[in-house]
Amino acid sequence: MPRVSYKESNVIDAILDVTDNGLSQSKAAQKNGVPPTTLSDRLRGVSSRSEVTQPAQLLSEPEESRLVAWILRQEALGYAPSHSHVRATVNALLRQQGREKPVG
């Protein structure tokens, strides 16, 4: 079955429609373009995929954003870092913070 495309904000709107506005789960899901099973799961407290995978990520979202900004800045200057350079930079950052798990 193909995955339906929707945004996290749609899920939140659907949850609010059920909890605050009294809509049924099926009507709220349809109104916001969210799969009914997703809405049902989230109302029962099941985490989103991004929340589940977050602990497995080596960099926090702010760290990742700073890394992306650095890469783009280097690229704008004409010095786009190679994949191995980015990996080495991240590994150095992790070592500095006492996190020894290397980036693959």
C-alpha atoms as a PDB file:
ATOM      1  CA  MET A   1       0.000   0.000   0.000  1.00  0.00           C
ATOM      2  CA  PRO A   2       1.500   3.374  -0.983  1.00  0.00           C
ATOM      3  CA  ARG A   3       2.398   5.815   1.757  1.00  0.00           C
ATOM      4  CA  VAL A   4       0.132   8.872   1.976  1.00  0.00           C
ATOM      5  CA  SER A   5       1.854  12.255   1.891  1.00  0.00           C
ATOM      6  CA  TYR A   6       0.919  14.584   4.759  1.00  0.00           C
ATOM      7  CA  LYS A   7       2.634  16.988   7.112  1.00  0.00           C
ATOM      8  CA  GLU A   8       3.035  16.773  10.867  1.00  0.00           C
ATOM      9  CA  SER A   9       0.969  19.953  11.136  1.00  0.00           C
ATOM     10  CA  ASN A  10      -1.933  18.090   9.483  1.00  0.00           C
ATOM     11  CA  VAL A  11      -1.740  15.388  12.153  1.00  0.00           C
ATOM     12  CA  ILE A  12      -1.711  18.010  14.913  1.00  0.00           C
ATOM     13  CA  ASP A  13      -4.709  19.772  13.354  1.00  0.00           C
ATOM     14  CA  ALA A  14      -6.569  16.461  13.158  1.00  0.00           C
ATOM     15  CA  ILE A  15      -5.770  15.691  16.807  1.00  0.00           C
ATOM     16  CA  LEU A  16      -7.056  19.132  17.825  1.00  0.00           C
ATOM     17  CA  ASP A  17     -10.216  18.614  15.753  1.00  0.00           C
ATOM     18  CA  VAL A  18     -10.918  15.441  17.731  1.00  0.00           C
ATOM     19  CA  THR A  19      -9.888  16.627  21.188  1.00  0.00           C
ATOM     20  CA  ASP A  20     -11.004  20.264  21.095  1.00  0.00           C
ATOM     21  CA  ASN A  21     -13.663  20.474  18.401  1.00  0.00           C
ATOM     22  CA  GLY A  22     -15.438  17.158  18.967  1.00  0.00           C
ATOM     23  CA  LEU A  23     -15.056  15.777  15.434  1.00  0.00           C
ATOM     24  CA  SER A  24     -14.984  12.022  15.006  1.00  0.00           C
ATOM     25  CA  GLN A  25     -11.607  10.485  14.243  1.00  0.00           C
ATOM     26  CA  SER A  26     -12.648   9.515  10.723  1.00  0.00           C
ATOM     27  CA  LYS A  27     -13.987  12.998   9.894  1.00  0.00           C
ATOM     28  CA  ALA A  28     -10.927  14.709  11.371  1.00  0.00           C
ATOM     29  CA  ALA A  29      -8.613  12.389   9.429  1.00  0.00           C
ATOM     30  CA  GLN A  30     -10.483  13.013   6.186  1.00  0.00           C
ATOM     31  CA  LYS A  31     -10.661  16.786   6.748  1.00  0.00           C
ATOM     32  CA  ASN A  32      -6.904  17.044   7.357  1.00  0.00           C
ATOM     33  CA  GLY A  33      -5.715  14.477   4.796  1.00  0.00           C
ATOM     34  CA  VAL A  34      -4.243  12.138   7.390  1.00  0.00           C
ATOM     35  CA  PRO A  35      -4.604   8.329   7.323  1.00  0.00           C
ATOM     36  CA  PRO A  36      -7.200   7.277   9.931  1.00  0.00           C
ATOM     37  CA  THR A  37      -4.818   4.701  11.408  1.00  0.00           C
ATOM     38  CA  THR A  38      -2.140   7.371  11.892  1.00  0.00           C
ATOM     39  CA  LEU A  39      -4.586   9.629  13.701  1.00  0.00           C
ATOM     40  CA  SER A  40      -5.821   6.746  15.844  1.00  0.00           C
ATOM     41  CA  ASP A  41      -2.258   5.723  16.707  1.00  0.00           C
ATOM     42  CA  ARG A  42      -1.239   9.256  17.633  1.00  0.00           C
ATOM     43  CA  LEU A  43      -4.331   9.723  19.810  1.00  0.00           C
ATOM     44  CA  ARG A  44      -3.298   6.548  21.658  1.00  0.00           C
ATOM     45  CA  GLY A  45       0.163   8.024  22.270  1.00  0.00           C
ATOM     46  CA  VAL A  46       2.189   6.292  19.552  1.00  0.00           C
ATOM     47  CA  SER A  47       5.168   8.457  18.561  1.00  0.00           C
ATOM     48  CA  SER A  48       5.750   9.737  15.034  1.00  0.00           C
ATOM     49  CA  ARG A  49       8.492   8.128  12.951  1.00  0.00           C
ATOM     50  CA  SER A  50      10.732  11.169  13.344  1.00  0.00           C
ATOM     51  CA  GLU A  51      10.362  11.039  17.142  1.00  0.00           C
ATOM     52  CA  VAL A  52      11.200   7.331  17.175  1.00  0.00           C
ATOM     53  CA  THR A  53      14.351   7.676  15.066  1.00  0.00           C
ATOM     54  CA  GLN A  54      15.640  10.806  16.839  1.00  0.00           C
ATOM     55  CA  PRO A  55      17.567   8.896  19.570  1.00  0.00           C
ATOM     56  CA  ALA A  56      19.421   6.917  16.879  1.00  0.00           C
ATOM     57  CA  GLN A  57      20.784  10.086  15.284  1.00  0.00           C
ATOM     58  CA  LEU A  58      24.295  11.102  16.267  1.00  0.00           C
ATOM     59  CA  LEU A  59      23.716  14.837  15.836  1.00  0.00           C
ATOM     60  CA  SER A  60      20.944  16.865  17.387  1.00  0.00           C
ATOM     61  CA  GLU A  61      18.749  18.938  15.078  1.00  0.00           C
ATOM     62  CA  PRO A  62      20.574  22.203  15.969  1.00  0.00           C
ATOM     63  CA  GLU A  63      23.963  20.543  15.367  1.00  0.00           C
ATOM     64  CA  GLU A  64      22.777  19.189  12.047  1.00  0.00           C
ATOM     65  CA  SER A  65      21.430  22.610  11.037  1.00  0.00           C
ATOM     66  CA  ARG A  66      24.762  24.244  11.893  1.00  0.00           C
ATOM     67  CA  LEU A  67      26.602  21.596   9.879  1.00  0.00           C
ATOM     68  CA  VAL A  68      24.367  22.217   6.860  1.00  0.00           C
ATOM     69  CA  ALA A  69      24.892  25.983   7.185  1.00  0.00           C
ATOM     70  CA  TRP A  70      28.671  25.453   7.327  1.00  0.00           C
ATOM     71  CA  ILE A  71      28.613  23.205   4.238  1.00  0.00           C
ATOM     72  CA  LEU A  72      26.522  25.724   2.292  1.00  0.00           C
ATOM     73  CA  ARG A  73      28.758  28.603   3.396  1.00  0.00           C
ATOM     74  CA  GLN A  74      31.867  26.691   2.282  1.00  0.00           C
ATOM     75  CA  GLU A  75      30.200  25.889  -1.026  1.00  0.00           C
ATOM     76  CA  ALA A  76      29.309  29.565  -1.577  1.00  0.00           C
ATOM     77  CA  LEU A  77      32.968  30.436  -1.029  1.00  0.00           C
ATOM     78  CA  GLY A  78      33.995  27.853  -3.629  1.00  0.00           C
ATOM     79  CA  TYR A  79      35.325  25.328  -1.113  1.00  0.00           C
ATOM     80  CA  ALA A  80      32.574  22.717  -0.936  1.00  0.00           C
ATOM     81  CA  PRO A  81      33.765  20.038   1.501  1.00  0.00           C
ATOM     82  CA  SER A  82      33.963  16.449   0.295  1.00  0.00           C
ATOM     83  CA  HIS A  83      31.925  13.704   1.916  1.00  0.00           C
ATOM     84  CA  SER A  84      35.024  12.440   3.729  1.00  0.00           C
ATOM     85  CA  HIS A  85      35.807  15.978   4.979  1.00  0.00           C
ATOM     86  CA  VAL A  86      32.271  16.364   6.375  1.00  0.00           C
ATOM     87  CA  ARG A  87      32.521  12.930   8.014  1.00  0.00           C
ATOM     88  CA  ALA A  88      35.900  13.814   9.568  1.00  0.00           C
ATOM     89  CA  THR A  89      34.518  17.139  10.828  1.00  0.00           C
ATOM     90  CA  VAL A  90      31.531  15.433  12.453  1.00  0.00           C
ATOM     91  CA  ASN A  91      33.763  12.767  14.023  1.00  0.00           C
ATOM     92  CA  ALA A  92      36.018  15.498  15.461  1.00  0.00           C
ATOM     93  CA  LEU A  93      32.982  17.313  16.865  1.00  0.00           C
ATOM     94  CA  LEU A  94      31.687  14.116  18.466  1.00  0.00           C
ATOM     95  CA  ARG A  95      35.119  13.317  19.972  1.00  0.00           C
ATOM     96  CA  GLN A  96      35.332  16.866  21.363  1.00  0.00           C
ATOM     97  CA  GLN A  97      32.031  16.299  23.153  1.00  0.00           C
ATOM     98  CA  GLY A  98      33.045  12.882  24.473  1.00  0.00           C
ATOM     99  CA  ARG A  99      30.766  10.990  22.118  1.00  0.00           C
ATOM    100  CA  GLU A 100      33.009   8.330  20.643  1.00  0.00           C
ATOM    101  CA  LYS A 101      30.623   6.621  18.208  1.00  0.00           C
ATOM    102  CA  PRO A 102      32.104   7.332  14.757  1.00  0.00           C
ATOM    103  CA  VAL A 103      30.085   8.406  11.742  1.00  0.00           C
ATOM    104  CA  GLY A 104      30.050   5.731   9.022  1.00  0.00           C
END
